[in-house]
Amino acid sequence: MVVGTLIVKLSLGDIFSLKDKRQIVKSVIERTKNRFNVSIAEVDQQDVKRCAVIGIACVSNSSQFVDRQLDLVLDFLEADGRFAIEEICKEIL
């Protein structure tokens, strides 16, 4: 069994309230869940307006599949213009 994890730190530019932030984060999580077979959640910085940390996990019997799936998720997130990606931590276990 191969487990891949991806931690992505997002910088949310013109956000004025936690409500605005939660709207964007919830949308990103739902769109990612609907498009890819991964687990995803906001894992840190929940009370910081202009920053979000998203954790993504994928399990498979193939390390190549896990690596490719996480790359596709990252490409999907990078294509979203509502935030900038500040930091990425990817691990295949």
PDB file of N, CA and C in Angstrom:
ATOM      1  N   MET A   1       0.850  -1.177   0.000  1.00  0.00           N
ATOM      2  CA  MET A   1       0.000   0.000   0.000  1.00  0.00           C
ATOM      3  C   MET A   1       0.891   1.234   0.000  1.00  0.00           C
ATOM      4  N   VAL A   2       0.563   2.188  -0.856  1.00  0.00           N
ATOM      5  CA  VAL A   2       1.307   3.437  -0.975  1.00  0.00           C
ATOM      6  C   VAL A   2       0.376   4.580  -0.585  1.00  0.00           C
ATOM      7  N   VAL A   3       0.875   5.463   0.274  1.00  0.00           N
ATOM      8  CA  VAL A   3       0.112   6.631   0.711  1.00  0.00           C
ATOM      9  C   VAL A   3       0.875   7.877   0.288  1.00  0.00           C
ATOM     10  N   GLY A   4       0.184   8.782  -0.370  1.00  0.00           N
ATOM     11  CA  GLY A   4       0.784  10.055  -0.747  1.00  0.00           C
ATOM     12  C   GLY A   4       0.078  11.181  -0.036  1.00  0.00           C
ATOM     13  N   THR A   5       0.861  12.139   0.451  1.00  0.00           N
ATOM     14  CA  THR A   5       0.275  13.314   1.102  1.00  0.00           C
ATOM     15  C   THR A   5       0.815  14.572   0.444  1.00  0.00           C
ATOM     16  N   LEU A   6      -0.016  15.572   0.427  1.00  0.00           N
ATOM     17  CA  LEU A   6       0.337  16.867  -0.137  1.00  0.00           C
ATOM     18  C   LEU A   6      -0.201  17.934   0.803  1.00  0.00           C
ATOM     19  N   ILE A   7       0.695  18.774   1.312  1.00  0.00           N
ATOM     20  CA  ILE A   7       0.293  19.906   2.147  1.00  0.00           C
ATOM     21  C   ILE A   7       0.553  21.162   1.323  1.00  0.00           C
ATOM     22  N   VAL A   8      -0.476  21.973   1.139  1.00  0.00           N
ATOM     23  CA  VAL A   8      -0.371  23.168   0.312  1.00  0.00           C
ATOM     24  C   VAL A   8      -0.774  24.380   1.141  1.00  0.00           C
ATOM     25  N   LYS A   9       0.130  25.356   1.223  1.00  0.00           N
ATOM     26  CA  LYS A   9      -0.170  26.605   1.926  1.00  0.00           C
ATOM     27  C   LYS A   9      -0.601  27.632   0.892  1.00  0.00           C
ATOM     28  N   LEU A  10      -1.797  28.174   1.092  1.00  0.00           N
ATOM     29  CA  LEU A  10      -2.380  29.120   0.153  1.00  0.00           C
ATOM     30  C   LEU A  10      -2.354  30.528   0.725  1.00  0.00           C
ATOM     31  N   SER A  11      -2.080  31.488  -0.123  1.00  0.00           N
ATOM     32  CA  SER A  11      -2.154  32.896   0.249  1.00  0.00           C
ATOM     33  C   SER A  11      -3.379  33.488  -0.440  1.00  0.00           C
ATOM     34  N   LEU A  12      -4.333  33.918   0.367  1.00  0.00           N
ATOM     35  CA  LEU A  12      -5.577  34.485  -0.151  1.00  0.00           C
ATOM     36  C   LEU A  12      -5.452  36.002  -0.116  1.00  0.00           C
ATOM     37  N   GLY A  13      -5.335  36.622  -1.260  1.00  0.00           N
ATOM     38  CA  GLY A  13      -5.030  38.046  -1.348  1.00  0.00           C
ATOM     39  C   GLY A  13      -6.050  38.991  -0.746  1.00  0.00           C
ATOM     40  N   ASP A  14      -7.089  39.315  -1.474  1.00  0.00           N
ATOM     41  CA  ASP A  14      -8.039  40.360  -1.083  1.00  0.00           C
ATOM     42  C   ASP A  14      -9.213  39.794  -0.300  1.00  0.00           C
ATOM     43  N   ILE A  15      -8.926  39.238   0.848  1.00  0.00           N
ATOM     44  CA  ILE A  15      -9.954  38.667   1.713  1.00  0.00           C
ATOM     45  C   ILE A  15     -10.165  39.619   2.885  1.00  0.00           C
ATOM     46  N   PHE A  16     -11.425  39.933   3.175  1.00  0.00           N
ATOM     47  CA  PHE A  16     -11.717  40.893   4.233  1.00  0.00           C
ATOM     48  C   PHE A  16     -12.327  40.264   5.477  1.00  0.00           C
ATOM     49  N   SER A  17     -12.725  39.001   5.391  1.00  0.00           N
ATOM     50  CA  SER A  17     -13.311  38.353   6.564  1.00  0.00           C
ATOM     51  C   SER A  17     -13.059  36.848   6.507  1.00  0.00           C
ATOM     52  N   LEU A  18     -13.215  36.207   7.654  1.00  0.00           N
ATOM     53  CA  LEU A  18     -13.089  34.752   7.702  1.00  0.00           C
ATOM     54  C   LEU A  18     -14.195  34.077   6.891  1.00  0.00           C
ATOM     55  N   LYS A  19     -15.341  34.738   6.796  1.00  0.00           N
ATOM     56  CA  LYS A  19     -16.442  34.193   6.006  1.00  0.00           C
ATOM     57  C   LYS A  19     -16.048  34.095   4.529  1.00  0.00           C
ATOM     58  N   ASP A  20     -15.397  35.133   4.009  1.00  0.00           N
ATOM     59  CA  ASP A  20     -14.913  35.105   2.624  1.00  0.00           C
ATOM     60  C   ASP A  20     -13.902  33.982   2.429  1.00  0.00           C
ATOM     61  N   LYS A  21     -12.988  33.851   3.391  1.00  0.00           N
ATOM     62  CA  LYS A  21     -11.968  32.803   3.318  1.00  0.00           C
ATOM     63  C   LYS A  21     -12.621  31.428   3.302  1.00  0.00           C
ATOM     64  N   ARG A  22     -13.546  31.196   4.206  1.00  0.00           N
ATOM     65  CA  ARG A  22     -14.191  29.885   4.306  1.00  0.00           C
ATOM     66  C   ARG A  22     -14.966  29.537   3.040  1.00  0.00           C
ATOM     67  N   GLN A  23     -15.538  30.547   2.396  1.00  0.00           N
ATOM     68  CA  GLN A  23     -16.243  30.328   1.135  1.00  0.00           C
ATOM     69  C   GLN A  23     -15.293  29.796   0.068  1.00  0.00           C
ATOM     70  N   ILE A  24     -14.134  30.427  -0.047  1.00  0.00           N
ATOM     71  CA  ILE A  24     -13.144  30.007  -1.041  1.00  0.00           C
ATOM     72  C   ILE A  24     -12.607  28.624  -0.712  1.00  0.00           C
ATOM     73  N   VAL A  25     -12.227  28.405   0.546  1.00  0.00           N
ATOM     74  CA  VAL A  25     -11.644  27.121   0.946  1.00  0.00           C
ATOM     75  C   VAL A  25     -12.658  25.992   0.757  1.00  0.00           C
ATOM     76  N   LYS A  26     -13.889  26.221   1.146  1.00  0.00           N
ATOM     77  CA  LYS A  26     -14.927  25.200   0.980  1.00  0.00           C
ATOM     78  C   LYS A  26     -15.131  24.876  -0.498  1.00  0.00           C
ATOM     79  N   SER A  27     -15.129  25.895  -1.339  1.00  0.00           N
ATOM     80  CA  SER A  27     -15.279  25.695  -2.776  1.00  0.00           C
ATOM     81  C   SER A  27     -14.121  24.882  -3.347  1.00  0.00           C
ATOM     82  N   VAL A  28     -12.900  25.218  -2.948  1.00  0.00           N
ATOM     83  CA  VAL A  28     -11.715  24.490  -3.424  1.00  0.00           C
ATOM     84  C   VAL A  28     -11.787  23.026  -2.998  1.00  0.00           C
ATOM     85  N   ILE A  29     -12.149  22.790  -1.754  1.00  0.00           N
ATOM     86  CA  ILE A  29     -12.229  21.420  -1.242  1.00  0.00           C
ATOM     87  C   ILE A  29     -13.293  20.626  -1.995  1.00  0.00           C
ATOM     88  N   GLU A  30     -14.464  21.182  -2.177  1.00  0.00           N
ATOM     89  CA  GLU A  30     -15.551  20.474  -2.862  1.00  0.00           C
ATOM     90  C   GLU A  30     -15.214  20.205  -4.323  1.00  0.00           C
ATOM     91  N   ARG A  31     -14.653  21.199  -5.017  1.00  0.00           N
ATOM     92  CA  ARG A  31     -14.294  21.015  -6.427  1.00  0.00           C
ATOM     93  C   ARG A  31     -13.217  19.946  -6.584  1.00  0.00           C
ATOM     94  N   THR A  32     -12.258  19.928  -5.662  1.00  0.00           N
ATOM     95  CA  THR A  32     -11.187  18.932  -5.723  1.00  0.00           C
ATOM     96  C   THR A  32     -11.731  17.536  -5.437  1.00  0.00           C
ATOM     97  N   LYS A  33     -12.595  17.414  -4.426  1.00  0.00           N
ATOM     98  CA  LYS A  33     -13.211  16.115  -4.105  1.00  0.00           C
ATOM     99  C   LYS A  33     -14.011  15.576  -5.288  1.00  0.00           C
ATOM    100  N   ASN A  34     -14.740  16.460  -5.955  1.00  0.00           N
ATOM    101  CA  ASN A  34     -15.580  16.035  -7.073  1.00  0.00           C
ATOM    102  C   ASN A  34     -14.766  15.610  -8.290  1.00  0.00           C
ATOM    103  N   ARG A  35     -13.595  16.183  -8.441  1.00  0.00           N
ATOM    104  CA  ARG A  35     -12.782  15.911  -9.635  1.00  0.00           C
ATOM    105  C   ARG A  35     -11.795  14.755  -9.450  1.00  0.00           C
ATOM    106  N   PHE A  36     -11.269  14.596  -8.233  1.00  0.00           N
ATOM    107  CA  PHE A  36     -10.238  13.596  -7.976  1.00  0.00           C
ATOM    108  C   PHE A  36     -10.675  12.671  -6.837  1.00  0.00           C
ATOM    109  N   ASN A  37     -10.144  11.468  -6.839  1.00  0.00           N
ATOM    110  CA  ASN A  37     -10.445  10.507  -5.781  1.00  0.00           C
ATOM    111  C   ASN A  37      -9.401  10.653  -4.666  1.00  0.00           C
ATOM    112  N   VAL A  38      -9.494  11.752  -3.919  1.00  0.00           N
ATOM    113  CA  VAL A  38      -8.552  12.044  -2.836  1.00  0.00           C
ATOM    114  C   VAL A  38      -9.324  12.503  -1.604  1.00  0.00           C
ATOM    115  N   SER A  39      -8.660  12.427  -0.467  1.00  0.00           N
ATOM    116  CA  SER A  39      -9.191  13.025   0.759  1.00  0.00           C
ATOM    117  C   SER A  39      -8.558  14.400   0.884  1.00  0.00           C
ATOM    118  N   ILE A  40      -9.343  15.395   1.271  1.00  0.00           N
ATOM    119  CA  ILE A  40      -8.840  16.763   1.348  1.00  0.00           C
ATOM    120  C   ILE A  40      -9.549  17.500   2.474  1.00  0.00           C
ATOM    121  N   ALA A  41      -8.792  18.334   3.200  1.00  0.00           N
ATOM    122  CA  ALA A  41      -9.360  19.120   4.298  1.00  0.00           C
ATOM    123  C   ALA A  41      -8.450  20.307   4.587  1.00  0.00           C
ATOM    124  N   GLU A  42      -9.030  21.337   5.210  1.00  0.00           N
ATOM    125  CA  GLU A  42      -8.221  22.439   5.726  1.00  0.00           C
ATOM    126  C   GLU A  42      -7.620  21.951   7.039  1.00  0.00           C
ATOM    127  N   VAL A  43      -6.293  21.976   7.153  1.00  0.00           N
ATOM    128  CA  VAL A  43      -5.631  21.342   8.287  1.00  0.00           C
ATOM    129  C   VAL A  43      -4.933  22.309   9.241  1.00  0.00           C
ATOM    130  N   ASP A  44      -4.825  23.582   8.882  1.00  0.00           N
ATOM    131  CA  ASP A  44      -4.137  24.543   9.755  1.00  0.00           C
ATOM    132  C   ASP A  44      -4.547  25.957   9.352  1.00  0.00           C
ATOM    133  N   GLN A  45      -4.256  26.906  10.224  1.00  0.00           N
ATOM    134  CA  GLN A  45      -4.501  28.337   9.969  1.00  0.00           C
ATOM    135  C   GLN A  45      -5.990  28.651   9.750  1.00  0.00           C
ATOM    136  N   GLN A  46      -6.875  27.923  10.420  1.00  0.00           N
ATOM    137  CA  GLN A  46      -8.307  28.135  10.220  1.00  0.00           C
ATOM    138  C   GLN A  46      -8.776  29.531  10.623  1.00  0.00           C
ATOM    139  N   ASP A  47      -8.111  30.153  11.581  1.00  0.00           N
ATOM    140  CA  ASP A  47      -8.554  31.460  12.066  1.00  0.00           C
ATOM    141  C   ASP A  47      -7.725  32.618  11.518  1.00  0.00           C
ATOM    142  N   VAL A  48      -6.924  32.369  10.497  1.00  0.00           N
ATOM    143  CA  VAL A  48      -6.119  33.418   9.866  1.00  0.00           C
ATOM    144  C   VAL A  48      -6.782  33.766   8.537  1.00  0.00           C
ATOM    145  N   LYS A  49      -7.120  35.051   8.352  1.00  0.00           N
ATOM    146  CA  LYS A  49      -7.903  35.467   7.192  1.00  0.00           C
ATOM    147  C   LYS A  49      -7.242  35.206   5.845  1.00  0.00           C
ATOM    148  N   ARG A  50      -5.998  35.534   5.712  1.00  0.00           N
ATOM    149  CA  ARG A  50      -5.372  35.532   4.384  1.00  0.00           C
ATOM    150  C   ARG A  50      -4.469  34.339   4.114  1.00  0.00           C
ATOM    151  N   CYS A  51      -4.632  33.297   4.898  1.00  0.00           N
ATOM    152  CA  CYS A  51      -3.796  32.111   4.733  1.00  0.00           C
ATOM    153  C   CYS A  51      -4.642  30.864   4.994  1.00  0.00           C
ATOM    154  N   ALA A  52      -4.407  29.828   4.196  1.00  0.00           N
ATOM    155  CA  ALA A  52      -5.080  28.546   4.403  1.00  0.00           C
ATOM    156  C   ALA A  52      -4.072  27.434   4.142  1.00  0.00           C
ATOM    157  N   VAL A  53      -4.183  26.362   4.901  1.00  0.00           N
ATOM    158  CA  VAL A  53      -3.334  25.192   4.693  1.00  0.00           C
ATOM    159  C   VAL A  53      -4.259  24.011   4.411  1.00  0.00           C
ATOM    160  N   ILE A  54      -4.070  23.432   3.226  1.00  0.00           N
ATOM    161  CA  ILE A  54      -4.904  22.332   2.761  1.00  0.00           C
ATOM    162  C   ILE A  54      -4.073  21.051   2.778  1.00  0.00           C
ATOM    163  N   GLY A  55      -4.643  19.981   3.319  1.00  0.00           N
ATOM    164  CA  GLY A  55      -3.993  18.674   3.311  1.00  0.00           C
ATOM    165  C   GLY A  55      -4.735  17.737   2.377  1.00  0.00           C
ATOM    166  N   ILE A  56      -3.978  17.018   1.554  1.00  0.00           N
ATOM    167  CA  ILE A  56      -4.553  16.104   0.575  1.00  0.00           C
ATOM    168  C   ILE A  56      -3.874  14.750   0.737  1.00  0.00           C
ATOM    169  N   ALA A  57      -4.653  13.667   0.670  1.00  0.00           N
ATOM    170  CA  ALA A  57      -4.087  12.319   0.778  1.00  0.00           C
ATOM    171  C   ALA A  57      -4.676  11.422  -0.304  1.00  0.00           C
ATOM    172  N   CYS A  58      -3.827  10.514  -0.778  1.00  0.00           N
ATOM    173  CA  CYS A  58      -4.228   9.561  -1.806  1.00  0.00           C
ATOM    174  C   CYS A  58      -3.612   8.207  -1.458  1.00  0.00           C
ATOM    175  N   VAL A  59      -4.381   7.133  -1.601  1.00  0.00           N
ATOM    176  CA  VAL A  59      -3.905   5.783  -1.293  1.00  0.00           C
ATOM    177  C   VAL A  59      -4.081   4.913  -2.537  1.00  0.00           C
ATOM    178  N   SER A  60      -3.060   4.106  -2.824  1.00  0.00           N
ATOM    179  CA  SER A  60      -3.118   3.206  -3.970  1.00  0.00           C
ATOM    180  C   SER A  60      -2.111   2.080  -3.779  1.00  0.00           C
ATOM    181  N   ASN A  61      -2.099   1.150  -4.707  1.00  0.00           N
ATOM    182  CA  ASN A  61      -1.077   0.108  -4.683  1.00  0.00           C
ATOM    183  C   ASN A  61       0.101   0.457  -5.591  1.00  0.00           C
ATOM    184  N   SER A  62       0.032   1.617  -6.260  1.00  0.00           N
ATOM    185  CA  SER A  62       1.076   2.042  -7.190  1.00  0.00           C
ATOM    186  C   SER A  62       1.613   3.418  -6.807  1.00  0.00           C
ATOM    187  N   SER A  63       2.909   3.506  -6.598  1.00  0.00           N
ATOM    188  CA  SER A  63       3.502   4.803  -6.246  1.00  0.00           C
ATOM    189  C   SER A  63       3.432   5.775  -7.424  1.00  0.00           C
ATOM    190  N   GLN A  64       3.513   5.260  -8.660  1.00  0.00           N
ATOM    191  CA  GLN A  64       3.407   6.142  -9.827  1.00  0.00           C
ATOM    192  C   GLN A  64       2.018   6.769  -9.914  1.00  0.00           C
ATOM    193  N   PHE A  65       0.984   5.972  -9.608  1.00  0.00           N
ATOM    194  CA  PHE A  65      -0.376   6.506  -9.638  1.00  0.00           C
ATOM    195  C   PHE A  65      -0.552   7.597  -8.589  1.00  0.00           C
ATOM    196  N   VAL A  66      -0.075   7.350  -7.382  1.00  0.00           N
ATOM    197  CA  VAL A  66      -0.199   8.326  -6.294  1.00  0.00           C
ATOM    198  C   VAL A  66       0.536   9.608  -6.660  1.00  0.00           C
ATOM    199  N   ASP A  67       1.755   9.482  -7.158  1.00  0.00           N
ATOM    200  CA  ASP A  67       2.548  10.648  -7.537  1.00  0.00           C
ATOM    201  C   ASP A  67       1.845  11.448  -8.632  1.00  0.00           C
ATOM    202  N   ARG A  68       1.337  10.770  -9.641  1.00  0.00           N
ATOM    203  CA  ARG A  68       0.651  11.443 -10.747  1.00  0.00           C
ATOM    204  C   ARG A  68      -0.643  12.101 -10.263  1.00  0.00           C
ATOM    205  N   GLN A  69      -1.386  11.419  -9.412  1.00  0.00           N
ATOM    206  CA  GLN A  69      -2.650  11.968  -8.906  1.00  0.00           C
ATOM    207  C   GLN A  69      -2.401  13.255  -8.119  1.00  0.00           C
ATOM    208  N   LEU A  70      -1.388  13.244  -7.253  1.00  0.00           N
ATOM    209  CA  LEU A  70      -1.079  14.445  -6.473  1.00  0.00           C
ATOM    210  C   LEU A  70      -0.586  15.572  -7.371  1.00  0.00           C
ATOM    211  N   ASP A  71       0.162  15.245  -8.427  1.00  0.00           N
ATOM    212  CA  ASP A  71       0.588  16.269  -9.391  1.00  0.00           C
ATOM    213  C   ASP A  71      -0.611  16.887 -10.103  1.00  0.00           C
ATOM    214  N   LEU A  72      -1.587  16.058 -10.466  1.00  0.00           N
ATOM    215  CA  LEU A  72      -2.795  16.572 -11.117  1.00  0.00           C
ATOM    216  C   LEU A  72      -3.591  17.481 -10.184  1.00  0.00           C
ATOM    217  N   VAL A  73      -3.688  17.102  -8.913  1.00  0.00           N
ATOM    218  CA  VAL A  73      -4.380  17.943  -7.931  1.00  0.00           C
ATOM    219  C   VAL A  73      -3.656  19.277  -7.794  1.00  0.00           C
ATOM    220  N   LEU A  74      -2.339  19.234  -7.722  1.00  0.00           N
ATOM    221  CA  LEU A  74      -1.555  20.464  -7.601  1.00  0.00           C
ATOM    222  C   LEU A  74      -1.742  21.354  -8.832  1.00  0.00           C
ATOM    223  N   ASP A  75      -1.727  20.778 -10.022  1.00  0.00           N
ATOM    224  CA  ASP A  75      -1.978  21.551 -11.246  1.00  0.00           C
ATOM    225  C   ASP A  75      -3.366  22.185 -11.209  1.00  0.00           C
ATOM    226  N   PHE A  76      -4.348  21.438 -10.725  1.00  0.00           N
ATOM    227  CA  PHE A  76      -5.716  21.935 -10.604  1.00  0.00           C
ATOM    228  C   PHE A  76      -5.775  23.135  -9.655  1.00  0.00           C
ATOM    229  N   LEU A  77      -5.080  23.030  -8.516  1.00  0.00           N
ATOM    230  CA  LEU A  77      -5.063  24.130  -7.550  1.00  0.00           C
ATOM    231  C   LEU A  77      -4.330  25.348  -8.112  1.00  0.00           C
ATOM    232  N   GLU A  78      -3.227  25.120  -8.822  1.00  0.00           N
ATOM    233  CA  GLU A  78      -2.460  26.231  -9.395  1.00  0.00           C
ATOM    234  C   GLU A  78      -3.260  26.988 -10.451  1.00  0.00           C
ATOM    235  N   ALA A  79      -4.178  26.317 -11.118  1.00  0.00           N
ATOM    236  CA  ALA A  79      -4.986  26.951 -12.158  1.00  0.00           C
ATOM    237  C   ALA A  79      -6.081  27.853 -11.584  1.00  0.00           C
ATOM    238  N   ASP A  80      -6.371  27.718 -10.300  1.00  0.00           N
ATOM    239  CA  ASP A  80      -7.401  28.539  -9.645  1.00  0.00           C
ATOM    240  C   ASP A  80      -6.812  29.916  -9.360  1.00  0.00           C
ATOM    241  N   GLY A  81      -7.435  30.954  -9.863  1.00  0.00           N
ATOM    242  CA  GLY A  81      -6.888  32.301  -9.734  1.00  0.00           C
ATOM    243  C   GLY A  81      -7.250  33.037  -8.455  1.00  0.00           C
ATOM    244  N   ARG A  82      -7.955  32.400  -7.533  1.00  0.00           N
ATOM    245  CA  ARG A  82      -8.397  33.095  -6.320  1.00  0.00           C
ATOM    246  C   ARG A  82      -7.346  33.154  -5.233  1.00  0.00           C
ATOM    247  N   PHE A  83      -6.234  32.457  -5.416  1.00  0.00           N
ATOM    248  CA  PHE A  83      -5.186  32.416  -4.391  1.00  0.00           C
ATOM    249  C   PHE A  83      -3.849  32.111  -5.054  1.00  0.00           C
ATOM    250  N   ALA A  84      -2.788  32.327  -4.286  1.00  0.00           N
ATOM    251  CA  ALA A  84      -1.437  31.958  -4.723  1.00  0.00           C
ATOM    252  C   ALA A  84      -0.938  30.841  -3.818  1.00  0.00           C
ATOM    253  N   ILE A  85      -0.186  29.924  -4.373  1.00  0.00           N
ATOM    254  CA  ILE A  85       0.395  28.842  -3.583  1.00  0.00           C
ATOM    255  C   ILE A  85       1.741  29.304  -3.059  1.00  0.00           C
ATOM    256  N   GLU A  86       1.873  29.328  -1.734  1.00  0.00           N
ATOM    257  CA  GLU A  86       3.101  29.790  -1.084  1.00  0.00           C
ATOM    258  C   GLU A  86       4.090  28.664  -0.834  1.00  0.00           C
ATOM    259  N   GLU A  87       3.581  27.507  -0.444  1.00  0.00           N
ATOM    260  CA  GLU A  87       4.454  26.415  -0.015  1.00  0.00           C
ATOM    261  C   GLU A  87       3.799  25.078  -0.339  1.00  0.00           C
ATOM    262  N   ILE A  88       4.635  24.100  -0.728  1.00  0.00           N
ATOM    263  CA  ILE A  88       4.153  22.764  -1.064  1.00  0.00           C
ATOM    264  C   ILE A  88       5.038  21.739  -0.368  1.00  0.00           C
ATOM    265  N   CYS A  89       4.414  20.760   0.267  1.00  0.00           N
ATOM    266  CA  CYS A  89       5.160  19.655   0.875  1.00  0.00           C
ATOM    267  C   CYS A  89       4.504  18.355   0.407  1.00  0.00           C
ATOM    268  N   LYS A  90       5.240  17.588  -0.399  1.00  0.00           N
ATOM    269  CA  LYS A  90       4.701  16.353  -0.971  1.00  0.00           C
ATOM    270  C   LYS A  90       5.516  15.173  -0.457  1.00  0.00           C
ATOM    271  N   GLU A  91       4.804  14.141   0.004  1.00  0.00           N
ATOM    272  CA  GLU A  91       5.463  12.934   0.505  1.00  0.00           C
ATOM    273  C   GLU A  91       4.752  11.705  -0.036  1.00  0.00           C
ATOM    274  N   ILE A  92       5.537  10.718  -0.415  1.00  0.00           N
ATOM    275  CA  ILE A  92       5.017   9.415  -0.806  1.00  0.00           C
ATOM    276  C   ILE A  92       5.573   8.415   0.203  1.00  0.00           C
ATOM    277  N   LEU A  93       4.685   7.739   0.921  1.00  0.00           N
ATOM    278  CA  LEU A  93       5.104   6.805   1.969  1.00  0.00           C
ATOM    279  C   LEU A  93       4.871   5.368   1.539  1.00  0.00           C
TER     280      LEU A  93
END
